[in-house]
C-alpha atoms as a PDB file:
ATOM      1  CA  UNK A   1      -0.259   0.039  -0.043  1.00  0.00           C
ATOM      2  CA  UNK A   2       2.662   2.545   0.913  1.00  0.00           C
ATOM      3  CA  UNK A   3       4.629   1.501  -2.705  1.00  0.00           C
ATOM      4  CA  UNK A   4       1.096   2.618  -4.522  1.00  0.00           C
ATOM      5  CA  UNK A   5       0.592   5.615  -2.133  1.00  0.00           C
ATOM      6  CA  UNK A   6       4.047   6.917  -2.810  1.00  0.00           C
ATOM      7  CA  UNK A   7       4.146   6.303  -6.410  1.00  0.00           C
ATOM      8  CA  UNK A   8       1.203   8.338  -6.836  1.00  0.00           C
ATOM      9  CA  UNK A   9       2.950  11.220  -4.895  1.00  0.00           C
ATOM     10  CA  UNK A  10       5.641  10.892  -6.789  1.00  0.00           C
ATOM     11  CA  UNK A  11       3.730  11.382 -10.199  1.00  0.00           C
ATOM     12  CA  UNK A  12       0.928  13.597  -9.283  1.00  0.00           C
ATOM     13  CA  UNK A  13       2.437  15.621  -6.832  1.00  0.00           C
ATOM     14  CA  UNK A  14       5.944  16.183  -7.736  1.00  0.00           C
ATOM     15  CA  UNK A  15       5.999  19.691  -5.652  1.00  0.00           C
ATOM     16  CA  UNK A  16       5.967  17.728  -2.896  1.00  0.00           C
ATOM     17  CA  UNK A  17       9.428  15.859  -3.681  1.00  0.00           C
ATOM     18  CA  UNK A  18      11.437  18.231  -3.702  1.00  0.00           C
ATOM     19  CA  UNK A  19      14.614  19.003  -1.012  1.00  0.00           C
ATOM     20  CA  UNK A  20      12.595  21.460   0.619  1.00  0.00           C
ATOM     21  CA  UNK A  21      10.093  18.865   1.796  1.00  0.00           C
ATOM     22  CA  UNK A  22      10.543  15.674   4.093  1.00  0.00           C
ATOM     23  CA  UNK A  23      10.142  11.559   3.030  1.00  0.00           C
ATOM     24  CA  UNK A  24       6.631  10.619   4.331  1.00  0.00           C
ATOM     25  CA  UNK A  25       5.898   9.603   7.724  1.00  0.00           C
ATOM     26  CA  UNK A  26       5.604   5.855   7.682  1.00  0.00           C
ATOM     27  CA  UNK A  27       4.483   4.119  10.188  1.00  0.00           C
ATOM     28  CA  UNK A  28       6.229   1.322  11.723  1.00  0.00           C
ATOM     29  CA  UNK A  29       4.016  -1.372  13.337  1.00  0.00           C
ATOM     30  CA  UNK A  30       5.433  -2.721  16.667  1.00  0.00           C
ATOM     31  CA  UNK A  31       5.405  -6.401  17.614  1.00  0.00           C
ATOM     32  CA  UNK A  32       2.605  -6.446  20.265  1.00  0.00           C
ATOM     33  CA  UNK A  33       0.491  -4.742  18.046  1.00  0.00           C
ATOM     34  CA  UNK A  34      -1.606  -7.744  16.940  1.00  0.00           C
ATOM     35  CA  UNK A  35      -2.218  -9.318  20.268  1.00  0.00           C
ATOM     36  CA  UNK A  36      -2.674  -6.393  22.206  1.00  0.00           C
ATOM     37  CA  UNK A  37      -6.484  -6.283  23.941  1.00  0.00           C
ATOM     38  CA  UNK A  38      -6.107  -1.928  23.009  1.00  0.00           C
ATOM     39  CA  UNK A  39      -4.551  -0.680  20.083  1.00  0.00           C
ATOM     40  CA  UNK A  40      -4.542   3.200  19.990  1.00  0.00           C
ATOM     41  CA  UNK A  41      -3.405   5.241  16.585  1.00  0.00           C
ATOM     42  CA  UNK A  42      -2.053   8.824  17.529  1.00  0.00           C
ATOM     43  CA  UNK A  43      -2.195  11.040  14.851  1.00  0.00           C
ATOM     44  CA  UNK A  44      -0.034  14.060  15.080  1.00  0.00           C
ATOM     45  CA  UNK A  45      -0.118  17.213  12.387  1.00  0.00           C
ATOM     46  CA  UNK A  46       2.670  16.913  11.008  1.00  0.00           C
ATOM     47  CA  UNK A  47       6.383  16.471  11.916  1.00  0.00           C
ATOM     48  CA  UNK A  48       9.007  19.000  11.954  1.00  0.00           C
ATOM     49  CA  UNK A  49      12.940  19.664  11.637  1.00  0.00           C
ATOM     50  CA  UNK A  50      15.466  19.894   8.786  1.00  0.00           C
ATOM     51  CA  UNK A  51      16.242  16.050   8.731  1.00  0.00           C
ATOM     52  CA  UNK A  52      13.265  15.439   7.056  1.00  0.00           C
ATOM     53  CA  UNK A  53      13.041  11.780   8.131  1.00  0.00           C
ATOM     54  CA  UNK A  54      16.010  10.717   6.504  1.00  0.00           C
ATOM     55  CA  UNK A  55      16.070  13.641   3.686  1.00  0.00           C
ATOM     56  CA  UNK A  56      19.220  14.825   4.851  1.00  0.00           C
ATOM     57  CA  UNK A  57      22.093  13.343   6.558  1.00  0.00           C
ATOM     58  CA  UNK A  58      22.914  12.813  10.415  1.00  0.00           C
ATOM     59  CA  UNK A  59      20.082  13.364  12.809  1.00  0.00           C
ATOM     60  CA  UNK A  60      18.790  16.689  14.232  1.00  0.00           C
ATOM     61  CA  UNK A  61      17.938  15.387  17.582  1.00  0.00           C
ATOM     62  CA  UNK A  62      22.011  14.447  18.271  1.00  0.00           C
ATOM     63  CA  UNK A  63      24.900  13.043  17.800  1.00  0.00           C
ATOM     64  CA  UNK A  64      24.333   9.632  16.218  1.00  0.00           C
ATOM     65  CA  UNK A  65      27.571   8.029  17.975  1.00  0.00           C
ATOM     66  CA  UNK A  66      24.977   7.488  20.854  1.00  0.00           C
ATOM     67  CA  UNK A  67      22.931   5.189  18.541  1.00  0.00           C
ATOM     68  CA  UNK A  68      26.338   3.349  17.064  1.00  0.00           C
ATOM     69  CA  UNK A  69      25.071  -0.059  18.802  1.00  0.00           C
ATOM     70  CA  UNK A  70      22.494  -0.501  16.950  1.00  0.00           C
ATOM     71  CA  UNK A  71      23.591  -0.892  13.511  1.00  0.00           C
ATOM     72  CA  UNK A  72      20.393  -1.253  11.513  1.00  0.00           C
ATOM     73  CA  UNK A  73      19.145   2.656  13.305  1.00  0.00           C
ATOM     74  CA  UNK A  74      22.615   3.897  12.663  1.00  0.00           C
ATOM     75  CA  UNK A  75      22.531   3.775   9.133  1.00  0.00           C
ATOM     76  CA  UNK A  76      19.260   4.898   9.015  1.00  0.00           C
ATOM     77  CA  UNK A  77      19.885   8.011  10.389  1.00  0.00           C
ATOM     78  CA  UNK A  78      23.276   8.695   8.924  1.00  0.00           C
ATOM     79  CA  UNK A  79      22.528   8.236   5.511  1.00  0.00           C
ATOM     80  CA  UNK A  80      20.106  10.400   3.810  1.00  0.00           C
ATOM     81  CA  UNK A  81      17.110   8.064   2.137  1.00  0.00           C
ATOM     82  CA  UNK A  82      15.335   8.722  -1.244  1.00  0.00           C
ATOM     83  CA  UNK A  83      12.035   7.698  -1.513  1.00  0.00           C
ATOM     84  CA  UNK A  84      11.352   9.827  -4.683  1.00  0.00           C
ATOM     85  CA  UNK A  85      13.183   8.174  -7.325  1.00  0.00           C
ATOM     86  CA  UNK A  86      12.245   9.158 -11.243  1.00  0.00           C
ATOM     87  CA  UNK A  87      11.658   5.919 -12.288  1.00  0.00           C
ATOM     88  CA  UNK A  88      10.655   3.767  -9.386  1.00  0.00           C
ATOM     89  CA  UNK A  89       9.865   4.094  -5.681  1.00  0.00           C
ATOM     90  CA  UNK A  90      12.738   3.048  -3.219  1.00  0.00           C
ATOM     91  CA  UNK A  91      11.057   0.839  -1.496  1.00  0.00           C
ATOM     92  CA  UNK A  92      14.285  -0.228   0.957  1.00  0.00           C
ATOM     93  CA  UNK A  93      13.665   3.782   1.794  1.00  0.00           C
ATOM     94  CA  UNK A  94      10.250   2.844   2.554  1.00  0.00           C
ATOM     95  CA  UNK A  95      11.136  -0.084   4.788  1.00  0.00           C
ATOM     96  CA  UNK A  96      13.827   2.005   6.210  1.00  0.00           C
ATOM     97  CA  UNK A  97      11.864   4.198   7.548  1.00  0.00           C
ATOM     98  CA  UNK A  98       9.100   1.971   8.656  1.00  0.00           C
ATOM     99  CA  UNK A  99      11.746   0.534  11.292  1.00  0.00           C
ATOM    100  CA  UNK A 100      12.663   4.436  12.270  1.00  0.00           C
ATOM    101  CA  UNK A 101       8.993   4.811  13.062  1.00  0.00           C
ATOM    102  CA  UNK A 102       9.074   1.534  15.630  1.00  0.00           C
ATOM    103  CA  UNK A 103      12.226   2.388  16.992  1.00  0.00           C
ATOM    104  CA  UNK A 104      12.036   6.147  17.440  1.00  0.00           C
ATOM    105  CA  UNK A 105       8.614   5.464  19.001  1.00  0.00           C
ATOM    106  CA  UNK A 106       9.843   2.820  21.488  1.00  0.00           C
ATOM    107  CA  UNK A 107      13.453   3.479  22.310  1.00  0.00           C
ATOM    108  CA  UNK A 108      14.104   7.213  21.808  1.00  0.00           C
ATOM    109  CA  UNK A 109      10.625   9.074  22.852  1.00  0.00           C
ATOM    110  CA  UNK A 110       9.356   7.089  25.054  1.00  0.00           C
ATOM    111  CA  UNK A 111      12.661   6.051  27.133  1.00  0.00           C
ATOM    112  CA  UNK A 112      15.629   8.915  27.320  1.00  0.00           C
ATOM    113  CA  UNK A 113      14.420  11.090  23.677  1.00  0.00           C
ATOM    114  CA  UNK A 114      13.191  14.719  23.962  1.00  0.00           C
ATOM    115  CA  UNK A 115       9.932  15.191  25.836  1.00  0.00           C
ATOM    116  CA  UNK A 116       7.549  18.094  24.074  1.00  0.00           C
ATOM    117  CA  UNK A 117       4.145  18.346  24.243  1.00  0.00           C
ATOM    118  CA  UNK A 118       3.502  15.505  22.072  1.00  0.00           C
ATOM    119  CA  UNK A 119       5.425  13.031  23.211  1.00  0.00           C
ATOM    120  CA  UNK A 120       4.631  13.631  26.912  1.00  0.00           C
ATOM    121  CA  UNK A 121       0.626  13.372  25.818  1.00  0.00           C
ATOM    122  CA  UNK A 122       1.686   9.734  23.848  1.00  0.00           C
ATOM    123  CA  UNK A 123       3.715   8.714  26.734  1.00  0.00           C
ATOM    124  CA  UNK A 124       0.990   8.874  29.254  1.00  0.00           C
ATOM    125  CA  UNK A 125      -1.618   6.772  26.783  1.00  0.00           C
ATOM    126  CA  UNK A 126       1.358   4.069  25.739  1.00  0.00           C
ATOM    127  CA  UNK A 127       1.710   3.274  29.746  1.00  0.00           C
ATOM    128  CA  UNK A 128      -1.917   2.184  29.934  1.00  0.00           C
ATOM    129  CA  UNK A 129      -2.275  -1.523  30.593  1.00  0.00           C
ATOM    130  CA  UNK A 130      -2.418  -4.164  27.708  1.00  0.00           C
ATOM    131  CA  UNK A 131      -2.334  -1.042  25.135  1.00  0.00           C
ATOM    132  CA  UNK A 132      -0.281  -0.893  21.943  1.00  0.00           C
ATOM    133  CA  UNK A 133       0.475   2.526  19.886  1.00  0.00           C
ATOM    134  CA  UNK A 134       1.463   3.350  17.104  1.00  0.00           C
ATOM    135  CA  UNK A 135       2.796   7.027  16.036  1.00  0.00           C
ATOM    136  CA  UNK A 136       1.173   8.515  12.662  1.00  0.00           C
ATOM    137  CA  UNK A 137       1.083  12.195  11.050  1.00  0.00           C
ATOM    138  CA  UNK A 138      -1.873  13.452   9.250  1.00  0.00           C
ATOM    139  CA  UNK A 139      -0.296  15.460   7.030  1.00  0.00           C
ATOM    140  CA  UNK A 140       2.707  12.352   5.998  1.00  0.00           C
ATOM    141  CA  UNK A 141       4.884  15.197   4.349  1.00  0.00           C
ATOM    142  CA  UNK A 142       5.798  18.444   5.965  1.00  0.00           C
ATOM    143  CA  UNK A 143       8.499  21.363   4.982  1.00  0.00           C
ATOM    144  CA  UNK A 144      11.972  20.881   6.402  1.00  0.00           C
ATOM    145  CA  UNK A 145      12.448  23.528   8.577  1.00  0.00           C
ATOM    146  CA  UNK A 146      13.460  23.931  12.314  1.00  0.00           C
ATOM    147  CA  UNK A 147      10.256  25.555  13.392  1.00  0.00           C
ATOM    148  CA  UNK A 148       6.910  26.240  11.236  1.00  0.00           C
ATOM    149  CA  UNK A 149       7.006  22.867   9.095  1.00  0.00           C
ATOM    150  CA  UNK A 150       3.166  22.947   8.601  1.00  0.00           C
ATOM    151  CA  UNK A 151       2.344  23.018   4.984  1.00  0.00           C
ATOM    152  CA  UNK A 152       0.352  25.323   3.084  1.00  0.00           C
ATOM    153  CA  UNK A 153      -3.589  25.046   2.057  1.00  0.00           C
ATOM    154  CA  UNK A 154      -2.509  24.119  -1.102  1.00  0.00           C
ATOM    155  CA  UNK A 155       0.050  21.977  -0.376  1.00  0.00           C
ATOM    156  CA  UNK A 156      -2.170  20.450   2.044  1.00  0.00           C
ATOM    157  CA  UNK A 157      -4.657  19.883  -0.623  1.00  0.00           C
ATOM    158  CA  UNK A 158      -2.649  18.816  -3.151  1.00  0.00           C
ATOM    159  CA  UNK A 159      -0.927  16.235  -0.959  1.00  0.00           C
ATOM    160  CA  UNK A 160      -4.147  14.475  -0.093  1.00  0.00           C
ATOM    161  CA  UNK A 161      -5.665  14.772  -3.751  1.00  0.00           C
ATOM    162  CA  UNK A 162      -4.390  10.776  -4.720  1.00  0.00           C
ATOM    163  CA  UNK A 163      -6.798   8.548  -5.554  1.00  0.00           C
ATOM    164  CA  UNK A 164      -5.091   6.176  -2.529  1.00  0.00           C
ATOM    165  CA  UNK A 165      -6.456   7.610   0.880  1.00  0.00           C
ATOM    166  CA  UNK A 166      -3.490   6.893   3.143  1.00  0.00           C
ATOM    167  CA  UNK A 167      -5.124   7.389   6.627  1.00  0.00           C
ATOM    168  CA  UNK A 168      -7.960   5.742   5.461  1.00  0.00           C
ATOM    169  CA  UNK A 169      -6.301   2.830   4.442  1.00  0.00           C
ATOM    170  CA  UNK A 170      -3.629   2.499   7.534  1.00  0.00           C
ATOM    171  CA  UNK A 171      -6.944   2.403   9.818  1.00  0.00           C
ATOM    172  CA  UNK A 172      -8.254  -0.719   7.875  1.00  0.00           C
ATOM    173  CA  UNK A 173      -4.953  -2.664   8.013  1.00  0.00           C
ATOM    174  CA  UNK A 174      -4.073  -2.022  11.104  1.00  0.00           C
ATOM    175  CA  UNK A 175      -7.805  -2.087  13.063  1.00  0.00           C
ATOM    176  CA  UNK A 176      -6.804   0.032  15.991  1.00  0.00           C
ATOM    177  CA  UNK A 177      -9.607   0.014  18.584  1.00  0.00           C
ATOM    178  CA  UNK A 178      -9.191   3.808  19.174  1.00  0.00           C
ATOM    179  CA  UNK A 179      -7.639   6.717  16.577  1.00  0.00           C
ATOM    180  CA  UNK A 180      -6.567   9.897  18.607  1.00  0.00           C
ATOM    181  CA  UNK A 181      -5.766  13.076  16.925  1.00  0.00           C
ATOM    182  CA  UNK A 182      -3.522  15.016  18.775  1.00  0.00           C
ATOM    183  CA  UNK A 183      -4.795  18.068  16.737  1.00  0.00           C
ATOM    184  CA  UNK A 184      -5.918  18.223  13.058  1.00  0.00           C
ATOM    185  CA  UNK A 185      -6.227  20.084   9.557  1.00  0.00           C
ATOM    186  CA  UNK A 186      -9.543  20.012   8.485  1.00  0.00           C
ATOM    187  CA  UNK A 187      -8.926  20.334   4.983  1.00  0.00           C
ATOM    188  CA  UNK A 188      -6.619  16.528   5.478  1.00  0.00           C
ATOM    189  CA  UNK A 189      -9.696  14.947   7.669  1.00  0.00           C
ATOM    190  CA  UNK A 190     -12.136  16.075   4.550  1.00  0.00           C
ATOM    191  CA  UNK A 191     -10.010  14.485   2.211  1.00  0.00           C
ATOM    192  CA  UNK A 192      -9.181  11.433   4.174  1.00  0.00           C
ATOM    193  CA  UNK A 193     -12.014  10.819   6.104  1.00  0.00           C
ATOM    194  CA  UNK A 194     -14.724  12.775   5.010  1.00  0.00           C
ATOM    195  CA  UNK A 195     -17.623  10.724   7.238  1.00  0.00           C
ATOM    196  CA  UNK A 196     -15.521  12.065  10.319  1.00  0.00           C
ATOM    197  CA  UNK A 197     -15.131  15.570   8.883  1.00  0.00           C
ATOM    198  CA  UNK A 198     -18.623  15.820   8.117  1.00  0.00           C
ATOM    199  CA  UNK A 199     -20.038  14.487  11.646  1.00  0.00           C
ATOM    200  CA  UNK A 200     -17.330  16.843  13.491  1.00  0.00           C
ATOM    201  CA  UNK A 201     -18.863  19.895  11.961  1.00  0.00           C
ATOM    202  CA  UNK A 202     -22.386  18.760  12.290  1.00  0.00           C
ATOM    203  CA  UNK A 203     -21.662  18.204  15.689  1.00  0.00           C
ATOM    204  CA  UNK A 204     -19.108  20.139  17.010  1.00  0.00           C
ATOM    205  CA  UNK A 205     -20.907  22.783  19.120  1.00  0.00           C
ATOM    206  CA  UNK A 206     -23.240  20.126  20.832  1.00  0.00           C
ATOM    207  CA  UNK A 207     -22.533  19.549  24.765  1.00  0.00           C
ATOM    208  CA  UNK A 208     -20.603  16.710  25.555  1.00  0.00           C
ATOM    209  CA  UNK A 209     -22.705  13.855  26.484  1.00  0.00           C
ATOM    210  CA  UNK A 210     -22.834  13.555  30.120  1.00  0.00           C
ATOM    211  CA  UNK A 211     -20.934  10.138  30.497  1.00  0.00           C
ATOM    212  CA  UNK A 212     -17.957  12.144  28.479  1.00  0.00           C
ATOM    213  CA  UNK A 213     -18.466  15.004  31.057  1.00  0.00           C
ATOM    214  CA  UNK A 214     -18.585  13.094  33.857  1.00  0.00           C
ATOM    215  CA  UNK A 215     -15.422  11.282  32.829  1.00  0.00           C
ATOM    216  CA  UNK A 216     -13.937  14.419  31.856  1.00  0.00           C
ATOM    217  CA  UNK A 217     -14.707  16.286  35.503  1.00  0.00           C
ATOM    218  CA  UNK A 218     -12.062  13.711  37.675  1.00  0.00           C
ATOM    219  CA  UNK A 219      -9.268  16.332  35.821  1.00  0.00           C
ATOM    220  CA  UNK A 220     -11.447  19.815  36.453  1.00  0.00           C
ATOM    221  CA  UNK A 221     -11.279  20.266  33.066  1.00  0.00           C
ATOM    222  CA  UNK A 222     -13.396  23.371  31.893  1.00  0.00           C
ATOM    223  CA  UNK A 223     -14.684  22.172  28.416  1.00  0.00           C
ATOM    224  CA  UNK A 224     -18.560  22.306  27.314  1.00  0.00           C
ATOM    225  CA  UNK A 225     -18.839  21.560  23.880  1.00  0.00           C
ATOM    226  CA  UNK A 226     -17.763  19.250  21.155  1.00  0.00           C
ATOM    227  CA  UNK A 227     -15.159  21.900  19.586  1.00  0.00           C
ATOM    228  CA  UNK A 228     -12.672  21.174  21.995  1.00  0.00           C
ATOM    229  CA  UNK A 229     -13.029  17.281  22.294  1.00  0.00           C
ATOM    230  CA  UNK A 230     -14.911  15.311  20.085  1.00  0.00           C
ATOM    231  CA  UNK A 231     -15.534  11.491  20.088  1.00  0.00           C
ATOM    232  CA  UNK A 232     -17.212   9.703  17.065  1.00  0.00           C
ATOM    233  CA  UNK A 233     -17.907   6.246  16.750  1.00  0.00           C
ATOM    234  CA  UNK A 234     -17.848   4.471  13.560  1.00  0.00           C
ATOM    235  CA  UNK A 235     -17.458   0.778  12.336  1.00  0.00           C
ATOM    236  CA  UNK A 236     -15.422  -0.302  15.640  1.00  0.00           C
ATOM    237  CA  UNK A 237     -13.587   2.714  15.729  1.00  0.00           C
ATOM    238  CA  UNK A 238     -13.466   5.359  18.448  1.00  0.00           C
ATOM    239  CA  UNK A 239     -12.347   8.563  17.056  1.00  0.00           C
ATOM    240  CA  UNK A 240     -11.143  11.349  19.308  1.00  0.00           C
ATOM    241  CA  UNK A 241     -10.616  14.418  17.680  1.00  0.00           C
ATOM    242  CA  UNK A 242      -8.682  16.693  20.218  1.00  0.00           C
ATOM    243  CA  UNK A 243      -6.634  19.862  20.228  1.00  0.00           C
ATOM    244  CA  UNK A 244      -2.535  19.847  19.868  1.00  0.00           C
ATOM    245  CA  UNK A 245      -1.157  19.318  23.260  1.00  0.00           C
ATOM    246  CA  UNK A 246       0.924  22.293  23.416  1.00  0.00           C
ATOM    247  CA  UNK A 247      -2.294  24.308  23.266  1.00  0.00           C
ATOM    248  CA  UNK A 248      -3.925  21.445  25.918  1.00  0.00           C
ATOM    249  CA  UNK A 249      -0.889  22.473  28.570  1.00  0.00           C
ATOM    250  CA  UNK A 250      -1.948  26.002  28.597  1.00  0.00           C
ATOM    251  CA  UNK A 251      -5.578  25.244  29.426  1.00  0.00           C
ATOM    252  CA  UNK A 252      -6.270  23.867  32.714  1.00  0.00           C
ATOM    253  CA  UNK A 253      -7.459  20.480  33.513  1.00  0.00           C
ATOM    254  CA  UNK A 254      -7.480  19.903  29.165  1.00  0.00           C
ATOM    255  CA  UNK A 255      -4.702  16.874  29.085  1.00  0.00           C
ATOM    256  CA  UNK A 256      -6.206  15.239  31.749  1.00  0.00           C
ATOM    257  CA  UNK A 257      -9.709  15.514  30.234  1.00  0.00           C
ATOM    258  CA  UNK A 258      -7.961  13.931  26.879  1.00  0.00           C
ATOM    259  CA  UNK A 259      -6.578  11.534  28.918  1.00  0.00           C
ATOM    260  CA  UNK A 260      -9.626  10.327  30.461  1.00  0.00           C
ATOM    261  CA  UNK A 261     -11.820   9.986  27.359  1.00  0.00           C
ATOM    262  CA  UNK A 262      -9.117   7.414  25.863  1.00  0.00           C
ATOM    263  CA  UNK A 263      -9.202   5.589  29.124  1.00  0.00           C
ATOM    264  CA  UNK A 264     -13.441   5.889  29.302  1.00  0.00           C
ATOM    265  CA  UNK A 265     -13.542   4.635  25.293  1.00  0.00           C
ATOM    266  CA  UNK A 266     -11.258   1.686  26.105  1.00  0.00           C
ATOM    267  CA  UNK A 267     -13.532   0.716  29.127  1.00  0.00           C
ATOM    268  CA  UNK A 268     -16.565   0.659  26.271  1.00  0.00           C
ATOM    269  CA  UNK A 269     -14.420  -1.633  23.672  1.00  0.00           C
END
């Protein structure tokens, strides 16, 4: 599926394949995913940094010397990866980045890596009992910059214009119980999961359900509408649309409310 989607991006979205853009954020599946009672896909908005998922040599988060003990990962972070090639998709590059995703999630971000607001939220959920997590981004390609790496609306529309709706297919393949959006771009959501986007837009100003409010009360969050925290159930999956944790950390109780909603959804599985 990734080979098919990457080929479509390479042929139809050539503007997004240049050096100023990152390689795509490909998912890596942890060993315990299939056997886990609870499977959660945590979806950020986009990645950041000049490294660009292997477009540049080296690794922006620190010296590669720290990771020499793991030869396969050491190669990933020290040799530039070209996923988009003129005549064919670089499948080996895709496989390397899938392995990077698994390793970075488990052995870097959840261990001794930097603890941004996103990864603090991610880590608290990953510690839940009998729970497997995967890291995803709704915009798989971002600008290669130190900050402000989000695509423009035009670029975002182009990225999600190809026939393969990548997020939809990832969900169908991995079958998570919960998909948690940690911030989202409405253009991207509308293209990838139009039914979820439509339901959110129709209900975003409704009061939260009493049982959800009860769960959120444990964190003393001041949340009154679905605009800030929305739960949608469809085809056996619970979708939770939340604001980005950087914003959430500035709102009293918001991060606790997100955590309580995830725990409540797991209990109902």
